[in-house]
Amino acid sequence: MQIDKDMLNKFLGLSDEEFKKKVTDAAKTAGIENSKLNDIMKDTKHIKSMIGSMSEDDIKKALQSVGDEKIAQMIQNLQNKK
């Protein structure tokens, strides 16, 4: 999987509200519970910073841990929410 840096930068540049909605939708697709999502999404600036500082290999490893089928669903949901 090739990471599109421009797309990643646009994603990280979303308003906190829009970023939170997209991440929440994607996480729900991956099967993460709402209660965990609320705790995770309290500090969107930190999450953006963390993602922005990840190397391409780190991002690939994180995506691989979720699985190809879930990733495909998450990408499709994110694209449908544009």
C-alpha atoms as a PDB file:
ATOM      1  CA  MET A   1       0.000   0.000   0.000  1.00  0.00           C
ATOM      2  CA  GLN A   2       1.362   3.400  -1.011  1.00  0.00           C
ATOM      3  CA  ILE A   3       0.734   6.269   1.387  1.00  0.00           C
ATOM      4  CA  ASP A   4      -0.378   9.451  -0.401  1.00  0.00           C
ATOM      5  CA  LYS A   5       1.345  12.212   1.586  1.00  0.00           C
ATOM      6  CA  ASP A   6      -0.797  14.958   0.019  1.00  0.00           C
ATOM      7  CA  MET A   7      -4.006  13.163   0.978  1.00  0.00           C
ATOM      8  CA  LEU A   8      -2.655  12.514   4.468  1.00  0.00           C
ATOM      9  CA  ASN A   9      -1.759  16.193   4.889  1.00  0.00           C
ATOM     10  CA  LYS A  10      -5.240  17.253   3.728  1.00  0.00           C
ATOM     11  CA  PHE A  11      -6.764  14.802   6.198  1.00  0.00           C
ATOM     12  CA  LEU A  12      -4.635  16.170   9.038  1.00  0.00           C
ATOM     13  CA  GLY A  13      -5.563  19.706   7.974  1.00  0.00           C
ATOM     14  CA  LEU A  14      -9.293  19.155   8.481  1.00  0.00           C
ATOM     15  CA  SER A  15     -11.026  21.090  11.225  1.00  0.00           C
ATOM     16  CA  ASP A  16     -11.015  19.245  14.542  1.00  0.00           C
ATOM     17  CA  GLU A  17     -14.750  18.579  14.219  1.00  0.00           C
ATOM     18  CA  GLU A  18     -14.510  17.164  10.687  1.00  0.00           C
ATOM     19  CA  PHE A  19     -11.380  15.163  11.556  1.00  0.00           C
ATOM     20  CA  LYS A  20     -13.127  13.690  14.598  1.00  0.00           C
ATOM     21  CA  LYS A  21     -16.169  12.692  12.535  1.00  0.00           C
ATOM     22  CA  LYS A  22     -14.096  10.974   9.847  1.00  0.00           C
ATOM     23  CA  VAL A  23     -11.908   9.129  12.357  1.00  0.00           C
ATOM     24  CA  THR A  24     -14.952   8.103  14.379  1.00  0.00           C
ATOM     25  CA  ASP A  25     -16.726   6.760  11.272  1.00  0.00           C
ATOM     26  CA  ALA A  26     -13.614   4.830  10.229  1.00  0.00           C
ATOM     27  CA  ALA A  27     -13.076   3.454  13.738  1.00  0.00           C
ATOM     28  CA  LYS A  28     -16.674   2.267  13.951  1.00  0.00           C
ATOM     29  CA  THR A  29     -16.112   0.398  10.684  1.00  0.00           C
ATOM     30  CA  ALA A  30     -13.088  -1.242  12.294  1.00  0.00           C
ATOM     31  CA  GLY A  31     -15.292  -2.336  15.200  1.00  0.00           C
ATOM     32  CA  ILE A  32     -14.062   0.028  17.909  1.00  0.00           C
ATOM     33  CA  GLU A  33     -16.695   0.652  20.588  1.00  0.00           C
ATOM     34  CA  ASN A  34     -18.246   4.108  21.089  1.00  0.00           C
ATOM     35  CA  SER A  35     -17.094   4.340  24.701  1.00  0.00           C
ATOM     36  CA  LYS A  36     -13.471   3.854  23.646  1.00  0.00           C
ATOM     37  CA  LEU A  37     -13.879   6.291  20.757  1.00  0.00           C
ATOM     38  CA  ASN A  38     -15.082   9.072  23.036  1.00  0.00           C
ATOM     39  CA  ASP A  39     -11.983   8.741  25.215  1.00  0.00           C
ATOM     40  CA  ILE A  40      -9.635   8.487  22.241  1.00  0.00           C
ATOM     41  CA  MET A  41     -11.116  11.464  20.385  1.00  0.00           C
ATOM     42  CA  LYS A  42     -10.940  13.937  23.297  1.00  0.00           C
ATOM     43  CA  ASP A  43      -7.640  15.397  22.052  1.00  0.00           C
ATOM     44  CA  THR A  44      -7.752  15.620  18.244  1.00  0.00           C
ATOM     45  CA  LYS A  45      -4.704  17.898  18.120  1.00  0.00           C
ATOM     46  CA  HIS A  46      -2.630  15.197  19.805  1.00  0.00           C
ATOM     47  CA  ILE A  47      -3.952  12.530  17.440  1.00  0.00           C
ATOM     48  CA  LYS A  48      -3.173  14.693  14.400  1.00  0.00           C
ATOM     49  CA  SER A  49       0.325  15.321  15.741  1.00  0.00           C
ATOM     50  CA  MET A  50       0.869  11.641  16.413  1.00  0.00           C
ATOM     51  CA  ILE A  51      -0.292  10.592  12.928  1.00  0.00           C
ATOM     52  CA  GLY A  52       1.704  13.392  11.311  1.00  0.00           C
ATOM     53  CA  SER A  53       4.891  12.247  13.018  1.00  0.00           C
ATOM     54  CA  MET A  54       4.513   8.601  11.970  1.00  0.00           C
ATOM     55  CA  SER A  55       6.804   7.265   9.270  1.00  0.00           C
ATOM     56  CA  GLU A  56       5.340   5.602   6.204  1.00  0.00           C
ATOM     57  CA  ASP A  57       6.419   2.217   7.619  1.00  0.00           C
ATOM     58  CA  ASP A  58       4.676   2.982  10.931  1.00  0.00           C
ATOM     59  CA  ILE A  59       1.467   3.833   9.081  1.00  0.00           C
ATOM     60  CA  LYS A  60       1.693   0.674   6.975  1.00  0.00           C
ATOM     61  CA  LYS A  61       2.215  -1.476  10.078  1.00  0.00           C
ATOM     62  CA  ALA A  62      -0.769   0.127  11.797  1.00  0.00           C
ATOM     63  CA  LEU A  63      -2.958  -0.465   8.742  1.00  0.00           C
ATOM     64  CA  GLN A  64      -1.787  -4.067   8.400  1.00  0.00           C
ATOM     65  CA  SER A  65      -2.775  -4.774  11.992  1.00  0.00           C
ATOM     66  CA  VAL A  66      -6.364  -3.798  11.166  1.00  0.00           C
ATOM     67  CA  GLY A  67      -6.587  -6.045   8.086  1.00  0.00           C
ATOM     68  CA  ASP A  68      -7.170  -5.450   4.390  1.00  0.00           C
ATOM     69  CA  GLU A  69     -10.934  -6.012   4.452  1.00  0.00           C
ATOM     70  CA  LYS A  70     -11.516  -3.517   7.274  1.00  0.00           C
ATOM     71  CA  ILE A  71      -9.164  -0.999   5.610  1.00  0.00           C
ATOM     72  CA  ALA A  72     -11.118  -1.266   2.348  1.00  0.00           C
ATOM     73  CA  GLN A  73     -14.391  -0.677   4.241  1.00  0.00           C
ATOM     74  CA  MET A  74     -12.927   2.294   6.111  1.00  0.00           C
ATOM     75  CA  ILE A  75     -11.585   3.891   2.920  1.00  0.00           C
ATOM     76  CA  GLN A  76     -14.908   3.425   1.174  1.00  0.00           C
ATOM     77  CA  ASN A  77     -16.788   4.956   4.130  1.00  0.00           C
ATOM     78  CA  LEU A  78     -14.394   7.919   4.258  1.00  0.00           C
ATOM     79  CA  GLN A  79     -14.790   8.515   0.513  1.00  0.00           C
ATOM     80  CA  ASN A  80     -18.579   8.311   0.773  1.00  0.00           C
ATOM     81  CA  LYS A  81     -18.582  10.962   3.512  1.00  0.00           C
ATOM     82  CA  LYS A  82     -16.918  13.642   1.321  1.00  0.00           C
END
